[in-house]
N, C-alpha and C. Protein backbone atom coordinates (compact mmCIF):
# COMPACT_ATOMS: atom_id res chain seq x y z
N MET A 1 -77.66 140.44 70.14
CA MET A 1 -78.69 141.24 69.38
C MET A 1 -79.92 141.05 69.81
N ASN A 2 -80.50 141.97 69.71
CA ASN A 2 -82.00 142.08 70.04
C ASN A 2 -82.76 141.76 69.23
N LYS A 3 -84.13 141.54 69.44
CA LYS A 3 -85.07 140.48 68.43
C LYS A 3 -85.16 141.33 67.29
N ILE A 4 -85.69 142.82 67.44
CA ILE A 4 -85.32 143.47 66.35
C ILE A 4 -84.30 143.03 65.06
N ALA A 5 -83.10 143.83 66.04
CA ALA A 5 -81.80 143.43 64.73
C ALA A 5 -82.22 141.85 64.12
N LEU A 6 -82.14 140.70 65.54
CA LEU A 6 -82.32 139.52 64.43
C LEU A 6 -83.39 139.40 63.63
N ARG A 7 -84.84 139.78 63.91
CA ARG A 7 -85.58 139.99 62.46
C ARG A 7 -84.66 140.45 61.47
N SER A 8 -84.40 141.70 61.52
CA SER A 8 -83.94 141.88 60.22
C SER A 8 -83.15 141.63 59.60
N ALA A 9 -81.91 140.92 60.29
CA ALA A 9 -80.76 140.34 59.17
C ALA A 9 -80.99 139.15 59.35
N TYR A 10 -82.64 138.32 59.74
CA TYR A 10 -82.97 136.74 59.33
C TYR A 10 -83.39 137.09 58.41
N LEU A 11 -84.41 138.14 57.77
CA LEU A 11 -85.02 138.39 56.56
C LEU A 11 -83.79 138.44 55.82
N GLU A 12 -83.18 139.39 55.93
CA GLU A 12 -81.67 139.85 54.71
C GLU A 12 -80.86 138.22 54.46
N LYS A 13 -80.80 137.24 55.81
CA LYS A 13 -80.23 136.00 55.23
C LYS A 13 -81.16 135.23 54.44
N ARG A 14 -82.61 135.11 54.40
CA ARG A 14 -83.15 134.63 53.83
C ARG A 14 -83.55 134.76 52.28
N LYS A 15 -84.33 136.51 52.05
CA LYS A 15 -83.29 136.90 50.62
C LYS A 15 -82.31 136.53 49.63
N LYS A 16 -81.31 136.07 50.51
CA LYS A 16 -80.09 135.40 49.62
C LYS A 16 -80.27 134.34 49.04
N LEU A 17 -81.22 133.43 49.39
CA LEU A 17 -81.27 131.93 49.38
C LEU A 17 -81.82 131.40 48.08
N GLN A 18 -81.64 130.52 47.09
CA GLN A 18 -82.17 130.63 45.85
C GLN A 18 -83.60 129.33 46.25
N THR A 19 -84.41 129.32 45.86
CA THR A 19 -85.36 128.47 46.06
C THR A 19 -84.94 126.84 45.88
N LYS A 20 -84.39 126.42 45.19
CA LYS A 20 -83.49 125.09 44.91
C LYS A 20 -82.77 125.10 46.45
N GLU A 21 -82.12 125.96 46.97
CA GLU A 21 -81.56 125.67 47.79
C GLU A 21 -82.43 125.47 49.34
N ILE A 22 -83.39 126.24 49.50
CA ILE A 22 -84.56 126.00 50.20
C ILE A 22 -85.06 124.39 50.47
N ALA A 23 -85.39 123.98 48.90
CA ALA A 23 -86.01 122.95 48.61
C ALA A 23 -84.88 122.04 49.54
N THR A 24 -83.92 121.61 48.41
CA THR A 24 -82.73 121.08 49.46
C THR A 24 -82.34 121.49 50.99
N LEU A 25 -82.60 122.04 51.45
CA LEU A 25 -81.71 122.13 53.17
C LEU A 25 -83.64 122.14 53.48
N SER A 26 -84.50 122.10 53.11
CA SER A 26 -85.88 122.05 53.87
C SER A 26 -85.88 120.00 53.55
N THR A 27 -85.15 119.45 52.33
CA THR A 27 -85.32 117.75 52.33
C THR A 27 -84.47 117.32 53.68
N ALA A 28 -83.60 118.27 53.62
CA ALA A 28 -82.82 118.11 55.40
C ALA A 28 -83.36 118.12 56.87
N ILE A 29 -83.98 118.59 56.57
CA ILE A 29 -84.79 119.66 58.30
C ILE A 29 -85.65 118.07 58.57
N GLY A 30 -86.10 117.87 57.13
CA GLY A 30 -87.22 116.69 56.91
C GLY A 30 -86.61 115.54 57.54
N ASN A 31 -85.26 114.77 57.25
CA ASN A 31 -84.71 113.99 56.99
C ASN A 31 -84.03 114.41 59.15
N GLN A 32 -83.64 115.02 59.08
CA GLN A 32 -83.36 115.57 60.71
C GLN A 32 -84.34 114.80 61.19
N LEU A 33 -85.61 115.83 61.34
CA LEU A 33 -86.91 115.16 61.79
C LEU A 33 -86.92 113.61 62.03
N LEU A 34 -86.71 112.51 61.26
CA LEU A 34 -86.56 111.43 61.90
C LEU A 34 -86.05 110.71 62.63
N ASN A 35 -85.11 111.49 63.02
CA ASN A 35 -84.47 111.43 64.34
C ASN A 35 -84.72 111.92 66.01
N CYS A 36 -85.98 112.04 65.49
CA CYS A 36 -86.30 113.16 67.08
C CYS A 36 -87.17 111.98 67.97
N PRO A 37 -87.47 112.58 68.99
CA PRO A 37 -88.25 111.52 69.87
C PRO A 37 -89.67 111.93 69.96
N ILE A 38 -90.42 112.18 68.50
CA ILE A 38 -91.92 112.66 68.60
C ILE A 38 -92.55 111.99 67.79
N TRP A 39 -92.29 110.71 67.56
CA TRP A 39 -93.15 110.12 66.43
C TRP A 39 -94.12 109.28 67.86
N ASP A 40 -94.18 109.26 68.50
CA ASP A 40 -95.36 108.72 69.60
C ASP A 40 -96.72 109.57 69.69
N ALA A 41 -97.09 110.82 69.19
CA ALA A 41 -97.84 111.89 69.48
C ALA A 41 -98.70 111.15 68.01
N SER A 42 -100.27 111.98 68.54
CA SER A 42 -101.04 111.40 67.62
C SER A 42 -101.71 112.56 66.76
N TYR A 43 -101.26 114.10 67.26
CA TYR A 43 -102.05 115.22 66.79
C TYR A 43 -100.50 116.11 66.88
N TYR A 44 -100.62 116.82 65.75
CA TYR A 44 -99.28 117.32 65.26
C TYR A 44 -99.87 118.80 64.45
N SER A 45 -99.23 120.01 64.94
CA SER A 45 -99.51 121.42 64.65
C SER A 45 -98.42 121.49 63.27
N LEU A 46 -98.79 121.99 62.32
CA LEU A 46 -97.75 121.98 61.40
C LEU A 46 -97.98 123.48 60.77
N PHE A 47 -97.03 124.38 60.13
CA PHE A 47 -97.71 125.63 59.46
C PHE A 47 -97.23 125.47 57.97
N LEU A 48 -98.16 125.78 57.49
CA LEU A 48 -97.88 125.92 55.63
C LEU A 48 -96.97 127.07 55.35
N SER A 49 -95.82 127.13 54.71
CA SER A 49 -94.75 127.71 54.18
C SER A 49 -95.33 129.12 53.57
N ILE A 50 -94.65 130.13 53.80
CA ILE A 50 -95.01 131.48 53.31
C ILE A 50 -93.99 131.44 52.33
N ALA A 51 -93.95 131.36 50.69
CA ALA A 51 -92.68 130.86 49.44
C ALA A 51 -92.38 132.75 49.73
N SER A 52 -92.76 133.84 49.88
CA SER A 52 -92.67 134.65 49.14
C SER A 52 -91.52 135.37 50.37
N LYS A 53 -91.00 134.87 51.86
CA LYS A 53 -90.64 134.78 52.92
C LYS A 53 -89.55 134.28 52.98
N LYS A 54 -89.42 132.76 52.02
CA LYS A 54 -88.53 131.84 51.57
C LYS A 54 -88.27 131.22 53.55
N GLU A 55 -89.47 131.03 53.71
CA GLU A 55 -89.61 129.65 54.85
C GLU A 55 -88.56 128.40 54.67
N ILE A 56 -89.06 128.02 55.15
CA ILE A 56 -88.23 126.45 54.99
C ILE A 56 -89.62 125.49 54.15
N ASP A 57 -89.79 124.94 53.09
CA ASP A 57 -90.78 124.30 52.83
C ASP A 57 -91.37 123.02 53.49
N THR A 58 -91.86 123.45 54.22
CA THR A 58 -93.00 122.03 54.85
C THR A 58 -93.61 121.14 54.35
N GLU A 59 -93.46 121.38 52.73
CA GLU A 59 -94.46 120.03 51.99
C GLU A 59 -93.54 118.01 52.61
N PHE A 60 -92.48 118.31 52.83
CA PHE A 60 -91.67 117.13 52.80
C PHE A 60 -92.23 116.47 54.60
N ILE A 61 -92.37 117.33 55.58
CA ILE A 61 -92.97 117.03 57.10
C ILE A 61 -94.52 116.57 56.60
N LEU A 62 -95.12 117.07 55.77
CA LEU A 62 -96.42 116.96 55.82
C LEU A 62 -96.74 115.22 55.03
N THR A 63 -95.72 115.12 54.04
CA THR A 63 -95.58 113.68 54.04
C THR A 63 -95.43 112.99 54.59
N LEU A 64 -94.34 113.42 55.42
CA LEU A 64 -93.97 112.60 56.59
C LEU A 64 -94.93 111.91 57.22
N LEU A 65 -95.85 112.79 57.69
CA LEU A 65 -96.42 112.75 59.23
C LEU A 65 -97.87 112.21 58.69
N GLN A 66 -98.11 112.39 57.08
CA GLN A 66 -99.14 111.95 56.91
C GLN A 66 -98.99 110.51 56.49
N GLY A 67 -97.71 109.98 56.18
CA GLY A 67 -97.10 108.49 55.37
C GLY A 67 -97.22 107.56 57.07
N ARG A 68 -97.28 108.75 58.22
CA ARG A 68 -97.28 107.82 59.61
C ARG A 68 -98.58 107.96 60.16
N ASP A 69 -99.62 108.22 59.13
CA ASP A 69 -100.83 108.31 59.77
C ASP A 69 -100.99 109.07 61.24
N LYS A 70 -100.50 110.46 61.02
CA LYS A 70 -100.36 111.38 61.99
C LYS A 70 -101.52 112.36 61.63
N GLU A 71 -102.20 112.85 62.55
CA GLU A 71 -103.44 113.92 62.33
C GLU A 71 -102.65 114.82 62.11
N VAL A 72 -102.80 115.80 61.38
CA VAL A 72 -101.89 117.03 61.27
C VAL A 72 -102.76 118.34 61.12
N CYS A 73 -103.00 119.42 62.17
CA CYS A 73 -103.61 120.72 62.19
C CYS A 73 -102.94 121.79 61.74
N LEU A 74 -104.00 122.27 61.02
CA LEU A 74 -103.09 123.73 60.08
C LEU A 74 -103.44 124.69 61.06
N PRO A 75 -102.90 125.47 61.60
CA PRO A 75 -102.60 126.74 62.05
C PRO A 75 -103.67 127.55 61.04
N ARG A 76 -104.81 128.34 61.20
CA ARG A 76 -105.72 129.83 61.14
C ARG A 76 -105.47 131.08 61.83
N ILE A 77 -105.38 131.70 61.50
CA ILE A 77 -105.93 133.72 62.10
C ILE A 77 -106.76 133.99 62.34
N GLN A 78 -107.09 134.09 63.84
CA GLN A 78 -108.89 134.37 63.82
C GLN A 78 -108.77 135.62 64.35
N ASN A 79 -109.28 136.69 64.07
CA ASN A 79 -109.72 137.86 65.08
C ASN A 79 -108.28 138.73 65.11
N GLU A 80 -107.40 137.97 64.10
CA GLU A 80 -106.02 139.17 64.20
C GLU A 80 -105.17 139.15 65.76
N THR A 81 -105.56 138.12 66.46
CA THR A 81 -104.88 137.86 67.72
C THR A 81 -104.46 136.72 68.02
N GLU A 82 -105.31 135.38 67.12
CA GLU A 82 -105.44 133.95 68.24
C GLU A 82 -104.97 133.28 66.59
N ILE A 83 -104.90 132.02 66.93
CA ILE A 83 -104.26 131.12 66.34
C ILE A 83 -105.83 129.70 66.78
N VAL A 84 -106.72 129.42 65.41
CA VAL A 84 -107.11 128.01 66.12
C VAL A 84 -106.13 126.77 65.10
N HIS A 85 -106.79 125.86 65.39
CA HIS A 85 -105.92 125.00 64.56
C HIS A 85 -107.04 123.78 63.91
N ILE A 86 -107.19 123.87 61.96
CA ILE A 86 -107.61 123.02 61.50
C ILE A 86 -107.40 121.62 61.41
N LEU A 87 -108.18 120.66 61.46
CA LEU A 87 -107.83 119.26 61.40
C LEU A 87 -107.42 119.09 59.24
N LEU A 88 -106.72 118.89 58.63
CA LEU A 88 -106.57 118.55 57.23
C LEU A 88 -107.10 117.26 57.54
N THR A 89 -107.79 117.36 56.38
CA THR A 89 -108.71 116.38 55.83
C THR A 89 -108.49 116.49 54.07
N ASP A 90 -108.66 115.76 52.98
CA ASP A 90 -109.07 115.66 52.21
C ASP A 90 -109.57 116.68 51.56
N ASN A 91 -110.96 117.47 52.14
CA ASN A 91 -111.43 118.30 52.23
C ASN A 91 -111.06 119.54 52.35
N THR A 92 -110.33 119.95 53.13
CA THR A 92 -109.61 120.91 53.25
C THR A 92 -109.39 122.17 52.19
N LYS A 93 -109.96 123.49 52.48
CA LYS A 93 -109.38 123.85 51.15
C LYS A 93 -108.51 125.10 51.67
N ILE A 94 -107.61 125.26 50.79
CA ILE A 94 -106.21 125.76 51.82
C ILE A 94 -106.41 127.62 50.96
N LYS A 95 -106.24 128.66 51.64
CA LYS A 95 -106.36 129.84 50.74
C LYS A 95 -105.27 130.87 51.68
N THR A 96 -104.63 131.60 50.59
CA THR A 96 -103.51 132.79 51.77
C THR A 96 -104.23 134.21 51.73
N ASN A 97 -103.86 133.96 53.36
CA ASN A 97 -104.70 135.34 53.54
C ASN A 97 -103.25 136.41 53.48
N HIS A 98 -104.25 137.69 54.04
CA HIS A 98 -103.51 139.21 53.31
C HIS A 98 -102.69 139.61 53.89
N TRP A 99 -101.65 138.42 54.78
CA TRP A 99 -100.72 138.39 55.01
C TRP A 99 -99.09 137.39 54.18
N GLY A 100 -99.88 136.45 53.51
CA GLY A 100 -99.47 135.64 52.21
C GLY A 100 -99.33 134.37 53.25
N ILE A 101 -100.05 134.46 54.34
CA ILE A 101 -99.74 132.58 54.87
C ILE A 101 -101.13 131.94 54.32
N PRO A 102 -100.70 130.61 53.62
CA PRO A 102 -101.48 129.96 53.48
C PRO A 102 -102.38 129.31 54.70
N GLU A 103 -104.02 129.03 54.50
CA GLU A 103 -104.74 128.48 55.82
C GLU A 103 -105.33 127.84 55.48
N PRO A 104 -106.51 126.70 56.48
CA PRO A 104 -107.29 126.01 56.06
C PRO A 104 -108.71 127.04 55.77
N GLN A 105 -109.48 126.81 54.86
CA GLN A 105 -110.98 127.89 55.44
C GLN A 105 -111.92 126.97 55.52
N ASN A 106 -111.89 126.43 55.78
CA ASN A 106 -112.95 124.98 56.64
C ASN A 106 -112.43 123.58 57.39
N GLY A 107 -113.40 123.01 58.14
CA GLY A 107 -113.09 121.75 58.45
C GLY A 107 -112.71 121.83 60.13
N LEU A 108 -112.74 120.87 60.55
CA LEU A 108 -112.93 120.53 62.40
C LEU A 108 -111.93 121.68 62.97
N THR A 109 -112.48 122.22 64.33
CA THR A 109 -110.82 122.91 64.66
C THR A 109 -110.65 122.47 65.99
N VAL A 110 -109.49 121.88 65.99
CA VAL A 110 -108.89 121.36 66.96
C VAL A 110 -108.49 121.88 68.42
N PRO A 111 -108.88 121.62 69.70
CA PRO A 111 -108.25 122.19 70.52
C PRO A 111 -106.87 122.89 70.84
N SER A 112 -106.35 123.47 71.58
CA SER A 112 -105.29 123.47 71.34
C SER A 112 -104.48 122.78 72.85
N SER A 113 -105.13 122.11 73.73
CA SER A 113 -105.08 121.11 74.77
C SER A 113 -104.81 120.04 73.99
N GLU A 114 -105.35 119.39 72.77
CA GLU A 114 -105.26 118.39 71.98
C GLU A 114 -103.84 117.88 71.09
N ILE A 115 -103.32 119.23 70.88
CA ILE A 115 -102.10 119.36 70.32
C ILE A 115 -101.05 118.33 70.59
N GLU A 116 -100.21 117.59 70.39
CA GLU A 116 -99.35 117.42 71.20
C GLU A 116 -97.93 117.80 71.01
N VAL A 117 -97.59 118.48 69.20
CA VAL A 117 -96.48 118.32 68.93
C VAL A 117 -96.53 119.81 67.70
N VAL A 118 -96.34 120.56 68.39
CA VAL A 118 -95.92 121.97 67.28
C VAL A 118 -94.79 122.33 66.40
N PHE A 119 -95.34 122.31 65.38
CA PHE A 119 -94.17 122.82 64.48
C PHE A 119 -93.87 124.25 64.10
N ILE A 120 -93.13 125.05 65.06
CA ILE A 120 -92.95 126.43 64.53
C ILE A 120 -92.19 127.49 64.00
N PRO A 121 -93.25 128.33 62.86
CA PRO A 121 -91.89 129.20 61.86
C PRO A 121 -91.26 129.49 62.85
N LEU A 122 -90.13 129.99 62.23
CA LEU A 122 -89.19 131.20 63.00
C LEU A 122 -88.23 132.24 62.26
N LEU A 123 -87.57 133.13 62.58
CA LEU A 123 -86.40 133.71 61.58
C LEU A 123 -85.06 133.28 62.44
N ALA A 124 -85.14 133.80 63.63
CA ALA A 124 -83.83 133.31 64.31
C ALA A 124 -84.04 132.67 65.68
N TYR A 125 -82.90 132.01 66.35
CA TYR A 125 -82.90 131.49 67.41
C TYR A 125 -81.99 131.22 68.36
N ASP A 126 -81.74 130.92 69.73
CA ASP A 126 -80.64 130.94 70.47
C ASP A 126 -80.48 129.45 71.13
N LYS A 127 -78.83 129.41 71.83
CA LYS A 127 -78.87 127.94 72.15
C LYS A 127 -79.48 127.83 72.99
N LYS A 128 -80.57 128.44 74.16
CA LYS A 128 -80.96 128.46 74.84
C LYS A 128 -82.51 127.99 74.47
N GLY A 129 -83.07 128.12 73.24
CA GLY A 129 -84.41 127.43 72.78
C GLY A 129 -85.27 129.18 72.77
N HIS A 130 -84.63 130.17 73.02
CA HIS A 130 -85.59 131.10 72.70
C HIS A 130 -85.38 131.49 70.99
N ARG A 131 -86.73 131.87 70.73
CA ARG A 131 -86.78 131.95 69.53
C ARG A 131 -87.58 133.63 68.84
N VAL A 132 -87.35 134.04 67.41
CA VAL A 132 -87.25 135.21 66.57
C VAL A 132 -88.37 135.12 65.91
N GLY A 133 -89.32 135.32 65.93
CA GLY A 133 -90.89 135.17 64.85
C GLY A 133 -90.70 136.51 64.29
N TYR A 134 -92.08 136.48 63.87
CA TYR A 134 -92.35 137.86 62.87
C TYR A 134 -92.96 139.37 63.73
N GLY A 135 -92.88 138.62 65.34
CA GLY A 135 -93.07 140.01 66.01
C GLY A 135 -94.57 139.95 66.14
N LYS A 136 -95.64 139.09 66.04
CA LYS A 136 -96.97 139.78 66.30
C LYS A 136 -97.49 138.58 67.55
N GLY A 137 -96.87 137.42 68.01
CA GLY A 137 -97.03 137.04 69.25
C GLY A 137 -98.10 135.38 68.93
N PHE A 138 -98.46 135.35 67.79
CA PHE A 138 -99.28 134.82 67.22
C PHE A 138 -99.34 132.83 68.00
N TYR A 139 -98.19 132.69 67.91
CA TYR A 139 -97.23 131.83 68.61
C TYR A 139 -97.39 131.34 70.18
N ASP A 140 -96.52 132.32 70.85
CA ASP A 140 -96.53 132.16 72.53
C ASP A 140 -98.13 132.57 73.01
N ARG A 141 -99.23 133.10 72.18
CA ARG A 141 -100.20 132.68 73.22
C ARG A 141 -100.91 131.38 72.36
N PHE A 142 -100.59 131.50 71.20
CA PHE A 142 -101.62 129.42 71.09
C PHE A 142 -100.24 128.66 72.27
N LEU A 143 -98.89 129.00 72.30
CA LEU A 143 -98.55 127.91 73.23
C LEU A 143 -98.90 127.55 74.55
N SER A 144 -99.48 128.84 75.05
CA SER A 144 -99.45 129.13 76.54
C SER A 144 -100.44 128.42 76.78
N LYS A 145 -101.53 128.06 75.47
CA LYS A 145 -102.77 127.19 75.72
C LYS A 145 -102.88 125.73 75.58
N CYS A 146 -101.66 125.05 75.26
CA CYS A 146 -101.21 123.96 75.15
C CYS A 146 -101.02 123.49 76.67
N LYS A 147 -100.81 122.37 76.25
CA LYS A 147 -100.81 121.34 77.56
C LYS A 147 -98.86 121.50 77.80
N PRO A 148 -98.42 121.45 79.64
CA PRO A 148 -97.01 121.98 79.76
C PRO A 148 -96.11 120.89 79.02
N ASN A 149 -96.65 119.66 78.87
CA ASN A 149 -95.77 118.70 78.20
C ASN A 149 -95.79 118.92 76.33
N THR A 150 -96.23 119.74 75.75
CA THR A 150 -96.60 119.52 74.42
C THR A 150 -94.96 120.09 73.81
N LEU A 151 -94.77 119.46 73.11
CA LEU A 151 -93.37 119.51 72.31
C LEU A 151 -93.25 120.62 71.68
N LYS A 152 -92.54 121.81 70.99
CA LYS A 152 -92.61 122.82 70.49
C LYS A 152 -91.50 122.66 69.62
N ILE A 153 -91.17 122.28 68.00
CA ILE A 153 -90.21 122.63 67.50
C ILE A 153 -89.66 123.74 66.53
N GLY A 154 -88.69 124.07 66.97
CA GLY A 154 -88.81 125.48 65.42
C GLY A 154 -87.85 124.71 64.07
N LEU A 155 -88.46 125.70 63.43
CA LEU A 155 -87.53 124.48 61.90
C LEU A 155 -86.85 126.03 61.68
N SER A 156 -85.31 125.47 61.31
CA SER A 156 -84.43 126.64 61.20
C SER A 156 -83.89 126.58 59.74
N LEU A 157 -83.58 127.46 59.10
CA LEU A 157 -82.50 126.97 58.09
C LEU A 157 -81.36 127.30 57.94
N PHE A 158 -80.86 127.64 59.85
CA PHE A 158 -79.89 128.26 60.06
C PHE A 158 -79.25 128.10 61.57
N GLU A 159 -77.92 128.12 61.89
CA GLU A 159 -77.28 127.73 63.12
C GLU A 159 -78.20 128.91 64.28
N PRO A 160 -77.92 128.40 65.65
CA PRO A 160 -78.56 129.71 66.82
C PRO A 160 -77.32 130.92 66.84
N GLU A 161 -78.19 131.60 67.37
CA GLU A 161 -77.61 132.65 68.00
C GLU A 161 -77.01 132.03 69.07
N GLU A 162 -76.09 132.83 70.07
CA GLU A 162 -75.25 132.40 70.87
C GLU A 162 -76.80 132.63 72.08
N LYS A 163 -76.70 134.00 71.94
CA LYS A 163 -78.02 134.77 73.28
C LYS A 163 -79.05 135.92 72.35
N ILE A 164 -79.94 136.22 72.41
CA ILE A 164 -81.49 136.53 72.34
C ILE A 164 -81.62 137.58 73.00
N GLU A 165 -81.30 139.07 73.22
CA GLU A 165 -81.35 140.09 73.86
C GLU A 165 -82.78 140.42 73.94
N GLY A 166 -83.53 141.34 75.02
CA GLY A 166 -84.79 141.99 75.19
C GLY A 166 -86.13 140.57 75.07
N LEU A 167 -85.32 139.53 75.80
CA LEU A 167 -86.76 138.75 75.75
C LEU A 167 -87.94 139.06 76.35
N ASP A 168 -89.30 138.78 76.38
CA ASP A 168 -90.43 139.10 77.22
C ASP A 168 -91.13 137.88 78.19
N ALA A 169 -91.72 138.30 79.03
CA ALA A 169 -91.72 137.40 80.16
C ALA A 169 -93.10 136.38 79.46
N THR A 170 -93.63 136.68 78.27
CA THR A 170 -94.45 136.03 77.59
C THR A 170 -93.85 134.85 76.54
N ASP A 171 -92.29 134.80 76.39
CA ASP A 171 -91.77 134.12 75.10
C ASP A 171 -91.87 132.92 75.74
N ILE A 172 -92.10 131.68 74.83
CA ILE A 172 -92.07 130.40 75.04
C ILE A 172 -90.99 129.77 74.49
N PRO A 173 -89.99 129.15 75.50
CA PRO A 173 -89.39 128.78 74.50
C PRO A 173 -89.93 127.38 73.41
N LEU A 174 -88.40 127.01 72.92
CA LEU A 174 -88.79 125.70 71.82
C LEU A 174 -87.86 124.32 73.14
N ASP A 175 -88.50 123.38 72.86
CA ASP A 175 -87.91 122.37 73.52
C ASP A 175 -86.93 121.66 72.17
N PHE A 176 -86.78 121.65 70.68
CA PHE A 176 -86.09 121.32 69.83
C PHE A 176 -85.94 122.80 68.78
N CYS A 177 -84.93 122.59 68.31
CA CYS A 177 -85.16 123.19 66.81
C CYS A 177 -83.78 122.53 65.69
N ILE A 178 -84.75 122.47 64.74
CA ILE A 178 -84.35 121.15 63.58
C ILE A 178 -83.70 122.05 62.64
N THR A 179 -82.07 121.47 62.56
CA THR A 179 -81.92 122.65 61.28
C THR A 179 -81.58 121.23 60.07
N PRO A 180 -80.81 121.95 58.54
CA PRO A 180 -80.30 120.64 57.62
C PRO A 180 -79.45 120.04 58.02
N VAL A 181 -78.42 120.28 59.53
CA VAL A 181 -77.52 119.86 60.07
C VAL A 181 -77.37 118.92 61.33
N LYS A 182 -78.39 119.29 62.35
CA LYS A 182 -78.59 119.11 63.51
C LYS A 182 -80.22 119.27 64.42
N VAL A 183 -80.04 118.23 65.21
CA VAL A 183 -81.12 118.41 65.97
C VAL A 183 -80.92 118.66 67.30
N TYR A 184 -80.89 120.27 67.54
CA TYR A 184 -81.16 120.98 68.88
C TYR A 184 -81.83 120.76 70.17
N GLU A 185 -81.78 120.18 71.17
CA GLU A 185 -82.29 119.52 72.52
C GLU A 185 -82.32 121.04 73.37
N PHE A 186 -83.44 121.58 73.95
CA PHE A 186 -82.97 122.30 74.94
C PHE A 186 -83.97 122.22 75.83
N LYS A 187 -83.12 121.49 77.30
CA LYS A 187 -83.65 121.65 78.89
C LYS A 187 -83.71 122.59 79.82
């Protein structure tokens, strides 16, 4: 399937999920994360969930990162085209933007080159690590500014598609995708 069809299909699949089911699946994803080779890094980018879109709840992952004294950076949309990352502290104020995305309002900006692990929201992905997001290109633009060895980790409530049709030259594939039942590694 192409990106447009997959985007529509997976938004529908998510609509059918109940809040309790998302919570259970999200916790399972966090537990799978414990088996990933990512824990030597210091700076992690973690998105905050859009509950109305029935995204994975990243609260458990946030707790894991903070429990291991990792520096957590939260994405914030800037100029309607770019993502900047703000270091999460006790004083960080979170506000929902006009797209329904919770994001930091204040704090220290962390350069893309400092972030070692990026957790990426997605709707669908395939067995080669290509992903379908909401279609605005924010993460691909951000990832293009990261170091080549930055780990790109998708978080998905679902298993992969065989192949995504209609990829763009600017699409940056994942290194891993974590589901409730398995960690997929792409090479």
